[in-house]
Amino acid sequence: SVALSHGEEYDYAILNIAKAKIRDEEEDEDEAAAEGGEESAEKDQESG
């Protein structure tokens, strides 16, 4: 390996196995509530 011939500090990572990111149900609910609040505010503004 050309990189390794320059020293151990060049022992670069080639791959990893990481935990898949799974969306939390509470995060989904919070986002849905936030979106609902924004839509409600827009409607109130249009009504005004």
All heavy atoms as atom14 arrays in JSON, in Angstrom:
{
  "sequence": "SVALSHGEEYDYAILNIAKAKIRDEEEDEDEAAAEGGEESAEKDQESG",
  "atom14_mask": [
    [1, 1, 1, 1, 1, 1, 0, 0, 0, 0, 0, 0, 0, 0],
    [1, 1, 1, 1, 1, 1, 1, 0, 0, 0, 0, 0, 0, 0],
    [1, 1, 1, 1, 1, 0, 0, 0, 0, 0, 0, 0, 0, 0],
    [1, 1, 1, 1, 1, 1, 1, 1, 0, 0, 0, 0, 0, 0],
    [1, 1, 1, 1, 1, 1, 0, 0, 0, 0, 0, 0, 0, 0],
    [1, 1, 1, 1, 1, 1, 1, 1, 1, 1, 0, 0, 0, 0],
    [1, 1, 1, 1, 0, 0, 0, 0, 0, 0, 0, 0, 0, 0],
    [1, 1, 1, 1, 1, 1, 1, 1, 1, 0, 0, 0, 0, 0],
    [1, 1, 1, 1, 1, 1, 1, 1, 1, 0, 0, 0, 0, 0],
    [1, 1, 1, 1, 1, 1, 1, 1, 1, 1, 1, 1, 0, 0],
    [1, 1, 1, 1, 1, 1, 1, 1, 0, 0, 0, 0, 0, 0],
    [1, 1, 1, 1, 1, 1, 1, 1, 1, 1, 1, 1, 0, 0],
    [1, 1, 1, 1, 1, 0, 0, 0, 0, 0, 0, 0, 0, 0],
    [1, 1, 1, 1, 1, 1, 1, 1, 0, 0, 0, 0, 0, 0],
    [1, 1, 1, 1, 1, 1, 1, 1, 0, 0, 0, 0, 0, 0],
    [1, 1, 1, 1, 1, 1, 1, 1, 0, 0, 0, 0, 0, 0],
    [1, 1, 1, 1, 1, 1, 1, 1, 0, 0, 0, 0, 0, 0],
    [1, 1, 1, 1, 1, 0, 0, 0, 0, 0, 0, 0, 0, 0],
    [1, 1, 1, 1, 1, 1, 1, 1, 1, 0, 0, 0, 0, 0],
    [1, 1, 1, 1, 1, 0, 0, 0, 0, 0, 0, 0, 0, 0],
    [1, 1, 1, 1, 1, 1, 1, 1, 1, 0, 0, 0, 0, 0],
    [1, 1, 1, 1, 1, 1, 1, 1, 0, 0, 0, 0, 0, 0],
    [1, 1, 1, 1, 1, 1, 1, 1, 1, 1, 1, 0, 0, 0],
    [1, 1, 1, 1, 1, 1, 1, 1, 0, 0, 0, 0, 0, 0],
    [1, 1, 1, 1, 1, 1, 1, 1, 1, 0, 0, 0, 0, 0],
    [1, 1, 1, 1, 1, 1, 1, 1, 1, 0, 0, 0, 0, 0],
    [1, 1, 1, 1, 1, 1, 1, 1, 1, 0, 0, 0, 0, 0],
    [1, 1, 1, 1, 1, 1, 1, 1, 0, 0, 0, 0, 0, 0],
    [1, 1, 1, 1, 1, 1, 1, 1, 1, 0, 0, 0, 0, 0],
    [1, 1, 1, 1, 1, 1, 1, 1, 0, 0, 0, 0, 0, 0],
    [1, 1, 1, 1, 1, 1, 1, 1, 1, 0, 0, 0, 0, 0],
    [1, 1, 1, 1, 1, 0, 0, 0, 0, 0, 0, 0, 0, 0],
    [1, 1, 1, 1, 1, 0, 0, 0, 0, 0, 0, 0, 0, 0],
    [1, 1, 1, 1, 1, 0, 0, 0, 0, 0, 0, 0, 0, 0],
    [1, 1, 1, 1, 1, 1, 1, 1, 1, 0, 0, 0, 0, 0],
    [1, 1, 1, 1, 0, 0, 0, 0, 0, 0, 0, 0, 0, 0],
    [1, 1, 1, 1, 0, 0, 0, 0, 0, 0, 0, 0, 0, 0],
    [1, 1, 1, 1, 1, 1, 1, 1, 1, 0, 0, 0, 0, 0],
    [1, 1, 1, 1, 1, 1, 1, 1, 1, 0, 0, 0, 0, 0],
    [1, 1, 1, 1, 1, 1, 0, 0, 0, 0, 0, 0, 0, 0],
    [1, 1, 1, 1, 1, 0, 0, 0, 0, 0, 0, 0, 0, 0],
    [1, 1, 1, 1, 1, 1, 1, 1, 1, 0, 0, 0, 0, 0],
    [1, 1, 1, 1, 1, 1, 1, 1, 1, 0, 0, 0, 0, 0],
    [1, 1, 1, 1, 1, 1, 1, 1, 0, 0, 0, 0, 0, 0],
    [1, 1, 1, 1, 1, 1, 1, 1, 1, 0, 0, 0, 0, 0],
    [1, 1, 1, 1, 1, 1, 1, 1, 1, 0, 0, 0, 0, 0],
    [1, 1, 1, 1, 1, 1, 0, 0, 0, 0, 0, 0, 0, 0],
    [1, 1, 1, 1, 0, 0, 0, 0, 0, 0, 0, 0, 0, 0]
  ],
  "atom14_positions": [
    [[0.85, -1.19, 0.0], [0.0, 0.0, 0.0], [0.88, 1.24, 0.0], [1.77, 1.38, 0.86], [-0.91, 0.0, 1.23], [-1.46, 1.28, 1.45], [0.0, 0.0, 0.0], [0.0, 0.0, 0.0], [0.0, 0.0, 0.0], [0.0, 0.0, 0.0], [0.0, 0.0, 0.0], [0.0, 0.0, 0.0], [0.0, 0.0, 0.0], [0.0, 0.0, 0.0]],
    [[0.64, 2.14, -0.94], [1.44, 3.37, -1.02], [1.23, 4.22, 0.23], [2.18, 4.75, 0.81], [1.08, 4.17, -2.29], [1.79, 5.53, -2.27], [1.47, 3.39, -3.54], [0.0, 0.0, 0.0], [0.0, 0.0, 0.0], [0.0, 0.0, 0.0], [0.0, 0.0, 0.0], [0.0, 0.0, 0.0], [0.0, 0.0, 0.0], [0.0, 0.0, 0.0]],
    [[-0.02, 4.35, 0.67], [-0.31, 5.16, 1.85], [0.39, 4.61, 3.09], [1.04, 5.35, 3.85], [-1.81, 5.24, 2.08], [0.0, 0.0, 0.0], [0.0, 0.0, 0.0], [0.0, 0.0, 0.0], [0.0, 0.0, 0.0], [0.0, 0.0, 0.0], [0.0, 0.0, 0.0], [0.0, 0.0, 0.0], [0.0, 0.0, 0.0], [0.0, 0.0, 0.0]],
    [[0.28, 3.3, 3.32], [0.88, 2.7, 4.5], [2.4, 2.77, 4.49], [3.04, 2.73, 5.55], [0.43, 1.25, 4.65], [-1.05, 1.03, 5.01], [-1.36, -0.46, 5.07], [-1.39, 1.71, 6.33], [0.0, 0.0, 0.0], [0.0, 0.0, 0.0], [0.0, 0.0, 0.0], [0.0, 0.0, 0.0], [0.0, 0.0, 0.0], [0.0, 0.0, 0.0]],
    [[2.98, 2.87, 3.31], [4.44, 2.96, 3.22], [4.95, 4.28, 3.81], [6.14, 4.43, 4.1], [4.9, 2.83, 1.76], [4.5, 3.96, 1.0], [0.0, 0.0, 0.0], [0.0, 0.0, 0.0], [0.0, 0.0, 0.0], [0.0, 0.0, 0.0], [0.0, 0.0, 0.0], [0.0, 0.0, 0.0], [0.0, 0.0, 0.0], [0.0, 0.0, 0.0]],
    [[4.04, 5.25, 4.0], [4.42, 6.56, 4.56], [4.29, 6.59, 6.09], [4.68, 7.57, 6.72], [3.55, 7.66, 3.96], [3.71, 7.82, 2.48], [4.95, 7.95, 1.87], [2.79, 7.86, 1.48], [4.78, 8.08, 0.55], [3.49, 8.02, 0.28], [0.0, 0.0, 0.0], [0.0, 0.0, 0.0], [0.0, 0.0, 0.0], [0.0, 0.0, 0.0]],
    [[3.73, 5.53, 6.68], [3.62, 5.48, 8.13], [2.23, 5.1, 8.62], [1.25, 5.14, 7.86], [0.0, 0.0, 0.0], [0.0, 0.0, 0.0], [0.0, 0.0, 0.0], [0.0, 0.0, 0.0], [0.0, 0.0, 0.0], [0.0, 0.0, 0.0], [0.0, 0.0, 0.0], [0.0, 0.0, 0.0], [0.0, 0.0, 0.0], [0.0, 0.0, 0.0]],
    [[2.13, 4.71, 9.9], [0.87, 4.26, 10.48], [-0.2, 5.35, 10.48], [-1.4, 5.05, 10.46], [1.1, 3.77, 11.92], [1.95, 2.52, 12.01], [2.11, 2.06, 13.44], [1.55, 2.72, 14.33], [2.79, 1.03, 13.66], [0.0, 0.0, 0.0], [0.0, 0.0, 0.0], [0.0, 0.0, 0.0], [0.0, 0.0, 0.0], [0.0, 0.0, 0.0]],
    [[0.22, 6.61, 10.51], [-0.77, 7.69, 10.53], [-1.54, 7.8, 9.22], [-2.53, 8.53, 9.12], [-0.1, 9.03, 10.85], [0.94, 9.5, 9.84], [2.35, 9.0, 10.12], [2.48, 7.92, 10.72], [3.29, 9.71, 9.75], [0.0, 0.0, 0.0], [0.0, 0.0, 0.0], [0.0, 0.0, 0.0], [0.0, 0.0, 0.0], [0.0, 0.0, 0.0]],
    [[-1.09, 7.07, 8.21], [-1.78, 7.07, 6.92], [-2.65, 5.82, 6.73], [-3.04, 5.5, 5.61], [-0.76, 7.17, 5.78], [-0.01, 8.48, 5.77], [1.22, 8.6, 6.42], [-0.54, 9.61, 5.15], [1.91, 9.8, 6.44], [0.13, 10.82, 5.16], [1.36, 10.91, 5.81], [2.02, 12.11, 5.83], [0.0, 0.0, 0.0], [0.0, 0.0, 0.0]],
    [[-2.93, 5.15, 7.84], [-3.78, 3.97, 7.79], [-5.25, 4.42, 7.76], [-5.98, 4.34, 8.74], [-3.52, 3.08, 9.01], [-4.2, 1.72, 8.91], [-4.69, 1.4, 7.8], [-4.23, 0.99, 9.91], [0.0, 0.0, 0.0], [0.0, 0.0, 0.0], [0.0, 0.0, 0.0], [0.0, 0.0, 0.0], [0.0, 0.0, 0.0], [0.0, 0.0, 0.0]],
    [[-5.67, 4.89, 6.6], [-7.0, 5.5, 6.45], [-8.12, 4.46, 6.56], [-7.95, 3.29, 6.22], [-7.11, 6.2, 5.11], [-6.09, 7.29, 4.9], [-5.18, 7.21, 3.84], [-6.02, 8.39, 5.75], [-4.23, 8.21, 3.63], [-5.07, 9.39, 5.55], [-4.18, 9.29, 4.49], [-3.25, 10.27, 4.3], [0.0, 0.0, 0.0], [0.0, 0.0, 0.0]],
    [[-9.28, 4.91, 7.02], [-10.47, 4.06, 7.07], [-10.97, 3.81, 5.67], [-10.98, 4.71, 4.82], [-11.55, 4.72, 7.91], [0.0, 0.0, 0.0], [0.0, 0.0, 0.0], [0.0, 0.0, 0.0], [0.0, 0.0, 0.0], [0.0, 0.0, 0.0], [0.0, 0.0, 0.0], [0.0, 0.0, 0.0], [0.0, 0.0, 0.0], [0.0, 0.0, 0.0]],
    [[-11.39, 2.58, 5.4], [-11.91, 2.24, 4.07], [-13.42, 2.0, 4.09], [-14.09, 2.2, 3.07], [-11.18, 1.01, 3.49], [-11.35, -0.2, 4.42], [-9.72, 1.31, 3.22], [-10.82, -1.5, 3.83], [0.0, 0.0, 0.0], [0.0, 0.0, 0.0], [0.0, 0.0, 0.0], [0.0, 0.0, 0.0], [0.0, 0.0, 0.0], [0.0, 0.0, 0.0]],
    [[-13.95, 1.59, 5.26], [-15.4, 1.39, 5.36], [-15.77, 1.24, 6.83], [-14.92, 1.01, 7.69], [-15.85, 0.15, 4.57], [-15.29, -1.22, 4.97], [-16.05, -1.84, 6.15], [-15.35, -2.18, 3.79], [0.0, 0.0, 0.0], [0.0, 0.0, 0.0], [0.0, 0.0, 0.0], [0.0, 0.0, 0.0], [0.0, 0.0, 0.0], [0.0, 0.0, 0.0]],
    [[-17.07, 1.38, 7.11], [-17.56, 1.1, 8.45], [-18.99, 0.59, 8.38], [-19.69, 0.81, 7.39], [-17.44, 2.31, 9.38], [-18.29, 3.48, 8.92], [-19.5, 3.38, 8.8], [-17.65, 4.61, 8.66], [0.0, 0.0, 0.0], [0.0, 0.0, 0.0], [0.0, 0.0, 0.0], [0.0, 0.0, 0.0], [0.0, 0.0, 0.0], [0.0, 0.0, 0.0]],
    [[-19.39, -0.11, 9.43], [-20.77, -0.58, 9.57], [-21.4, 0.28, 10.67], [-21.01, 0.18, 11.83], [-20.86, -2.07, 9.95], [-20.04, -2.92, 8.97], [-22.31, -2.52, 9.98], [-20.55, -2.87, 7.55], [0.0, 0.0, 0.0], [0.0, 0.0, 0.0], [0.0, 0.0, 0.0], [0.0, 0.0, 0.0], [0.0, 0.0, 0.0], [0.0, 0.0, 0.0]],
    [[-22.33, 1.11, 10.29], [-22.94, 2.04, 11.23], [-24.4, 1.7, 11.46], [-25.06, 1.09, 10.61], [-22.81, 3.48, 10.72], [0.0, 0.0, 0.0], [0.0, 0.0, 0.0], [0.0, 0.0, 0.0], [0.0, 0.0, 0.0], [0.0, 0.0, 0.0], [0.0, 0.0, 0.0], [0.0, 0.0, 0.0], [0.0, 0.0, 0.0], [0.0, 0.0, 0.0]],
    [[-24.9, 2.1, 12.62], [-26.31, 1.9, 12.94], [-27.15, 2.74, 11.98], [-26.9, 3.92, 11.79], [-26.6, 2.32, 14.38], [-27.98, 1.92, 14.89], [-28.07, 0.43, 15.11], [-29.41, 0.05, 15.73], [-29.54, -1.42, 15.92], [0.0, 0.0, 0.0], [0.0, 0.0, 0.0], [0.0, 0.0, 0.0], [0.0, 0.0, 0.0], [0.0, 0.0, 0.0]],
    [[-28.13, 2.1, 11.36], [-28.99, 2.83, 10.43], [-29.79, 3.87, 11.19], [-30.27, 3.62, 12.3], [-29.93, 1.86, 9.7], [0.0, 0.0, 0.0], [0.0, 0.0, 0.0], [0.0, 0.0, 0.0], [0.0, 0.0, 0.0], [0.0, 0.0, 0.0], [0.0, 0.0, 0.0], [0.0, 0.0, 0.0], [0.0, 0.0, 0.0], [0.0, 0.0, 0.0]],
    [[-29.92, 5.05, 10.61], [-30.68, 6.12, 11.25], [-32.17, 5.86, 11.08], [-32.68, 5.79, 9.97], [-30.31, 7.47, 10.65], [-28.88, 7.89, 10.96], [-28.59, 9.27, 10.41], [-27.17, 9.71, 10.76], [-26.86, 11.05, 10.22], [0.0, 0.0, 0.0], [0.0, 0.0, 0.0], [0.0, 0.0, 0.0], [0.0, 0.0, 0.0], [0.0, 0.0, 0.0]],
    [[-32.87, 5.71, 12.23], [-34.31, 5.48, 12.21], [-34.99, 6.67, 12.88], [-34.66, 7.05, 14.0], [-34.68, 4.19, 12.97], [-33.95, 2.99, 12.34], [-36.18, 3.97, 12.97], [-34.18, 1.69, 13.07], [0.0, 0.0, 0.0], [0.0, 0.0, 0.0], [0.0, 0.0, 0.0], [0.0, 0.0, 0.0], [0.0, 0.0, 0.0], [0.0, 0.0, 0.0]],
    [[-35.92, 7.24, 12.19], [-36.61, 8.41, 12.72], [-37.45, 8.04, 13.93], [-38.17, 7.04, 13.94], [-37.52, 9.02, 11.64], [-36.74, 9.66, 10.5], [-37.71, 10.13, 9.43], [-38.61, 11.14, 9.95], [-38.33, 12.44, 9.99], [-37.18, 12.88, 9.56], [-39.23, 13.31, 10.46], [0.0, 0.0, 0.0], [0.0, 0.0, 0.0], [0.0, 0.0, 0.0]],
    [[-37.35, 8.83, 14.98], [-38.14, 8.62, 16.19], [-39.58, 9.06, 15.94], [-39.84, 10.1, 15.34], [-37.53, 9.46, 17.33], [-38.08, 9.05, 18.68], [-39.3, 8.87, 18.78], [-37.28, 8.93, 19.62], [0.0, 0.0, 0.0], [0.0, 0.0, 0.0], [0.0, 0.0, 0.0], [0.0, 0.0, 0.0], [0.0, 0.0, 0.0], [0.0, 0.0, 0.0]],
    [[-40.55, 8.24, 16.43], [-41.96, 8.58, 16.23], [-42.29, 9.93, 16.85], [-43.1, 10.69, 16.32], [-42.85, 7.49, 16.84], [-42.79, 6.16, 16.09], [-43.74, 5.14, 16.69], [-44.45, 5.5, 17.65], [-43.75, 4.0, 16.19], [0.0, 0.0, 0.0], [0.0, 0.0, 0.0], [0.0, 0.0, 0.0], [0.0, 0.0, 0.0], [0.0, 0.0, 0.0]],
    [[-41.66, 10.24, 18.01], [-41.94, 11.52, 18.65], [-41.45, 12.66, 17.78], [-42.09, 13.72, 17.71], [-41.26, 11.57, 20.02], [-41.87, 10.59, 21.04], [-41.2, 10.72, 22.39], [-40.29, 11.57, 22.52], [-41.6, 9.99, 23.32], [0.0, 0.0, 0.0], [0.0, 0.0, 0.0], [0.0, 0.0, 0.0], [0.0, 0.0, 0.0], [0.0, 0.0, 0.0]],
    [[-40.3, 12.46, 17.1], [-39.8, 13.5, 16.21], [-40.77, 13.74, 15.07], [-41.03, 14.87, 14.68], [-38.42, 13.11, 15.65], [-37.32, 13.11, 16.69], [-35.99, 12.72, 16.09], [-35.96, 12.45, 14.86], [-34.99, 12.68, 16.81], [0.0, 0.0, 0.0], [0.0, 0.0, 0.0], [0.0, 0.0, 0.0], [0.0, 0.0, 0.0], [0.0, 0.0, 0.0]],
    [[-41.35, 12.64, 14.54], [-42.32, 12.77, 13.46], [-43.55, 13.54, 13.93], [-44.08, 14.4, 13.23], [-42.74, 11.38, 12.96], [-41.61, 10.68, 12.22], [-40.68, 11.39, 11.79], [-41.66, 9.44, 12.08], [0.0, 0.0, 0.0], [0.0, 0.0, 0.0], [0.0, 0.0, 0.0], [0.0, 0.0, 0.0], [0.0, 0.0, 0.0], [0.0, 0.0, 0.0]],
    [[-44.01, 13.22, 15.18], [-45.18, 13.9, 15.7], [-44.9, 15.38, 15.92], [-45.74, 16.24, 15.64], [-45.62, 13.25, 17.02], [-46.18, 11.83, 16.84], [-46.49, 11.18, 18.17], [-46.22, 11.81, 19.22], [-46.99, 10.03, 18.16], [0.0, 0.0, 0.0], [0.0, 0.0, 0.0], [0.0, 0.0, 0.0], [0.0, 0.0, 0.0], [0.0, 0.0, 0.0]],
    [[-43.71, 15.69, 16.45], [-43.35, 17.09, 16.67], [-43.3, 17.86, 15.36], [-43.77, 19.0, 15.28], [-41.98, 17.18, 17.37], [-42.05, 16.66, 18.81], [-43.17, 16.59, 19.34], [-40.97, 16.35, 19.37], [0.0, 0.0, 0.0], [0.0, 0.0, 0.0], [0.0, 0.0, 0.0], [0.0, 0.0, 0.0], [0.0, 0.0, 0.0], [0.0, 0.0, 0.0]],
    [[-42.73, 17.22, 14.32], [-42.65, 17.89, 13.03], [-44.04, 18.09, 12.44], [-44.34, 19.14, 11.87], [-41.79, 17.06, 12.06], [-40.32, 17.11, 12.37], [-39.48, 16.42, 11.31], [-40.07, 16.06, 10.26], [-38.28, 16.26, 11.5], [0.0, 0.0, 0.0], [0.0, 0.0, 0.0], [0.0, 0.0, 0.0], [0.0, 0.0, 0.0], [0.0, 0.0, 0.0]],
    [[-44.92, 17.08, 12.61], [-46.28, 17.2, 12.1], [-47.02, 18.32, 12.81], [-47.76, 19.1, 12.2], [-47.03, 15.88, 12.27], [0.0, 0.0, 0.0], [0.0, 0.0, 0.0], [0.0, 0.0, 0.0], [0.0, 0.0, 0.0], [0.0, 0.0, 0.0], [0.0, 0.0, 0.0], [0.0, 0.0, 0.0], [0.0, 0.0, 0.0], [0.0, 0.0, 0.0]],
    [[-46.82, 18.42, 14.13], [-47.47, 19.48, 14.9], [-46.97, 20.84, 14.47], [-47.73, 21.8, 14.35], [-47.23, 19.26, 16.39], [0.0, 0.0, 0.0], [0.0, 0.0, 0.0], [0.0, 0.0, 0.0], [0.0, 0.0, 0.0], [0.0, 0.0, 0.0], [0.0, 0.0, 0.0], [0.0, 0.0, 0.0], [0.0, 0.0, 0.0], [0.0, 0.0, 0.0]],
    [[-45.66, 20.94, 14.25], [-45.07, 22.2, 13.83], [-45.62, 22.62, 12.47], [-45.94, 23.79, 12.24], [-43.55, 22.08, 13.78], [0.0, 0.0, 0.0], [0.0, 0.0, 0.0], [0.0, 0.0, 0.0], [0.0, 0.0, 0.0], [0.0, 0.0, 0.0], [0.0, 0.0, 0.0], [0.0, 0.0, 0.0], [0.0, 0.0, 0.0], [0.0, 0.0, 0.0]],
    [[-45.71, 21.65, 11.55], [-46.24, 21.95, 10.23], [-47.7, 22.38, 10.32], [-48.15, 23.3, 9.64], [-46.11, 20.72, 9.32], [-44.68, 20.4, 8.95], [-44.57, 19.13, 8.15], [-45.63, 18.5, 7.92], [-43.45, 18.77, 7.75], [0.0, 0.0, 0.0], [0.0, 0.0, 0.0], [0.0, 0.0, 0.0], [0.0, 0.0, 0.0], [0.0, 0.0, 0.0]],
    [[-48.47, 21.7, 11.22], [-49.86, 22.06, 11.41], [-50.0, 23.46, 11.95], [-50.89, 24.22, 11.55], [0.0, 0.0, 0.0], [0.0, 0.0, 0.0], [0.0, 0.0, 0.0], [0.0, 0.0, 0.0], [0.0, 0.0, 0.0], [0.0, 0.0, 0.0], [0.0, 0.0, 0.0], [0.0, 0.0, 0.0], [0.0, 0.0, 0.0], [0.0, 0.0, 0.0]],
    [[-49.12, 23.82, 12.9], [-49.14, 25.17, 13.47], [-48.84, 26.23, 12.43], [-49.46, 27.29, 12.4], [0.0, 0.0, 0.0], [0.0, 0.0, 0.0], [0.0, 0.0, 0.0], [0.0, 0.0, 0.0], [0.0, 0.0, 0.0], [0.0, 0.0, 0.0], [0.0, 0.0, 0.0], [0.0, 0.0, 0.0], [0.0, 0.0, 0.0], [0.0, 0.0, 0.0]],
    [[-47.88, 25.93, 11.53], [-47.54, 26.88, 10.48], [-48.7, 27.08, 9.52], [-49.01, 28.19, 9.11], [-46.31, 26.38, 9.71], [-45.03, 26.44, 10.53], [-43.86, 25.86, 9.77], [-44.08, 25.41, 8.61], [-42.75, 25.86, 10.31], [0.0, 0.0, 0.0], [0.0, 0.0, 0.0], [0.0, 0.0, 0.0], [0.0, 0.0, 0.0], [0.0, 0.0, 0.0]],
    [[-49.38, 25.96, 9.19], [-50.53, 26.06, 8.28], [-51.64, 26.86, 8.92], [-52.3, 27.69, 8.28], [-51.03, 24.65, 7.92], [-50.08, 23.87, 7.04], [-50.6, 22.48, 6.76], [-51.7, 22.16, 7.25], [-49.9, 21.73, 6.04], [0.0, 0.0, 0.0], [0.0, 0.0, 0.0], [0.0, 0.0, 0.0], [0.0, 0.0, 0.0], [0.0, 0.0, 0.0]],
    [[-51.87, 26.65, 10.24], [-52.92, 27.37, 10.95], [-52.61, 28.86, 10.99], [-53.49, 29.7, 10.79], [-53.05, 26.83, 12.38], [-54.02, 27.55, 13.11], [0.0, 0.0, 0.0], [0.0, 0.0, 0.0], [0.0, 0.0, 0.0], [0.0, 0.0, 0.0], [0.0, 0.0, 0.0], [0.0, 0.0, 0.0], [0.0, 0.0, 0.0], [0.0, 0.0, 0.0]],
    [[-51.36, 29.2, 11.24], [-50.96, 30.61, 11.28], [-51.15, 31.28, 9.93], [-51.57, 32.43, 9.83], [-49.5, 30.72, 11.73], [0.0, 0.0, 0.0], [0.0, 0.0, 0.0], [0.0, 0.0, 0.0], [0.0, 0.0, 0.0], [0.0, 0.0, 0.0], [0.0, 0.0, 0.0], [0.0, 0.0, 0.0], [0.0, 0.0, 0.0], [0.0, 0.0, 0.0]],
    [[-50.8, 30.52, 8.85], [-50.97, 31.07, 7.5], [-52.44, 31.34, 7.21], [-52.81, 32.36, 6.62], [-50.39, 30.11, 6.48], [-48.86, 30.03, 6.51], [-48.34, 29.0, 5.53], [-49.18, 28.33, 4.88], [-47.1, 28.87, 5.43], [0.0, 0.0, 0.0], [0.0, 0.0, 0.0], [0.0, 0.0, 0.0], [0.0, 0.0, 0.0], [0.0, 0.0, 0.0]],
    [[-53.3, 30.38, 7.64], [-54.73, 30.56, 7.4], [-55.27, 31.76, 8.17], [-56.07, 32.54, 7.68], [-55.48, 29.29, 7.82], [-55.27, 28.12, 6.88], [-56.04, 26.9, 7.33], [-55.82, 25.73, 6.38], [-56.56, 24.51, 6.83], [0.0, 0.0, 0.0], [0.0, 0.0, 0.0], [0.0, 0.0, 0.0], [0.0, 0.0, 0.0], [0.0, 0.0, 0.0]],
    [[-54.83, 31.95, 9.45], [-55.27, 33.08, 10.26], [-54.84, 34.39, 9.62], [-55.59, 35.37, 9.59], [-54.7, 32.99, 11.67], [-55.32, 31.84, 12.47], [-56.39, 31.35, 12.04], [-54.72, 31.43, 13.49], [0.0, 0.0, 0.0], [0.0, 0.0, 0.0], [0.0, 0.0, 0.0], [0.0, 0.0, 0.0], [0.0, 0.0, 0.0], [0.0, 0.0, 0.0]],
    [[-53.59, 34.37, 9.06], [-53.1, 35.59, 8.41], [-53.92, 35.93, 7.18], [-54.28, 37.07, 6.95], [-51.62, 35.4, 8.03], [-51.01, 36.65, 7.42], [-49.54, 36.46, 7.11], [-48.98, 35.42, 7.43], [-48.94, 37.45, 6.5], [0.0, 0.0, 0.0], [0.0, 0.0, 0.0], [0.0, 0.0, 0.0], [0.0, 0.0, 0.0], [0.0, 0.0, 0.0]],
    [[-54.22, 34.89, 6.38], [-55.03, 35.12, 5.18], [-56.42, 35.6, 5.55], [-56.98, 36.5, 4.91], [-55.13, 33.81, 4.38], [-53.82, 33.38, 3.74], [-53.95, 32.05, 3.03], [-55.07, 31.47, 3.09], [-52.96, 31.58, 2.44], [0.0, 0.0, 0.0], [0.0, 0.0, 0.0], [0.0, 0.0, 0.0], [0.0, 0.0, 0.0], [0.0, 0.0, 0.0]],
    [[-57.0, 35.04, 6.64], [-58.33, 35.44, 7.08], [-58.33, 36.89, 7.5], [-59.24, 37.67, 7.17], [-58.78, 34.54, 8.23], [-60.03, 34.95, 8.73], [0.0, 0.0, 0.0], [0.0, 0.0, 0.0], [0.0, 0.0, 0.0], [0.0, 0.0, 0.0], [0.0, 0.0, 0.0], [0.0, 0.0, 0.0], [0.0, 0.0, 0.0], [0.0, 0.0, 0.0]],
    [[-57.29, 37.28, 8.24], [-57.19, 38.67, 8.68], [-57.07, 39.64, 7.52], [-57.66, 40.71, 7.5], [0.0, 0.0, 0.0], [0.0, 0.0, 0.0], [0.0, 0.0, 0.0], [0.0, 0.0, 0.0], [0.0, 0.0, 0.0], [0.0, 0.0, 0.0], [0.0, 0.0, 0.0], [0.0, 0.0, 0.0], [0.0, 0.0, 0.0], [0.0, 0.0, 0.0]]
  ]
}
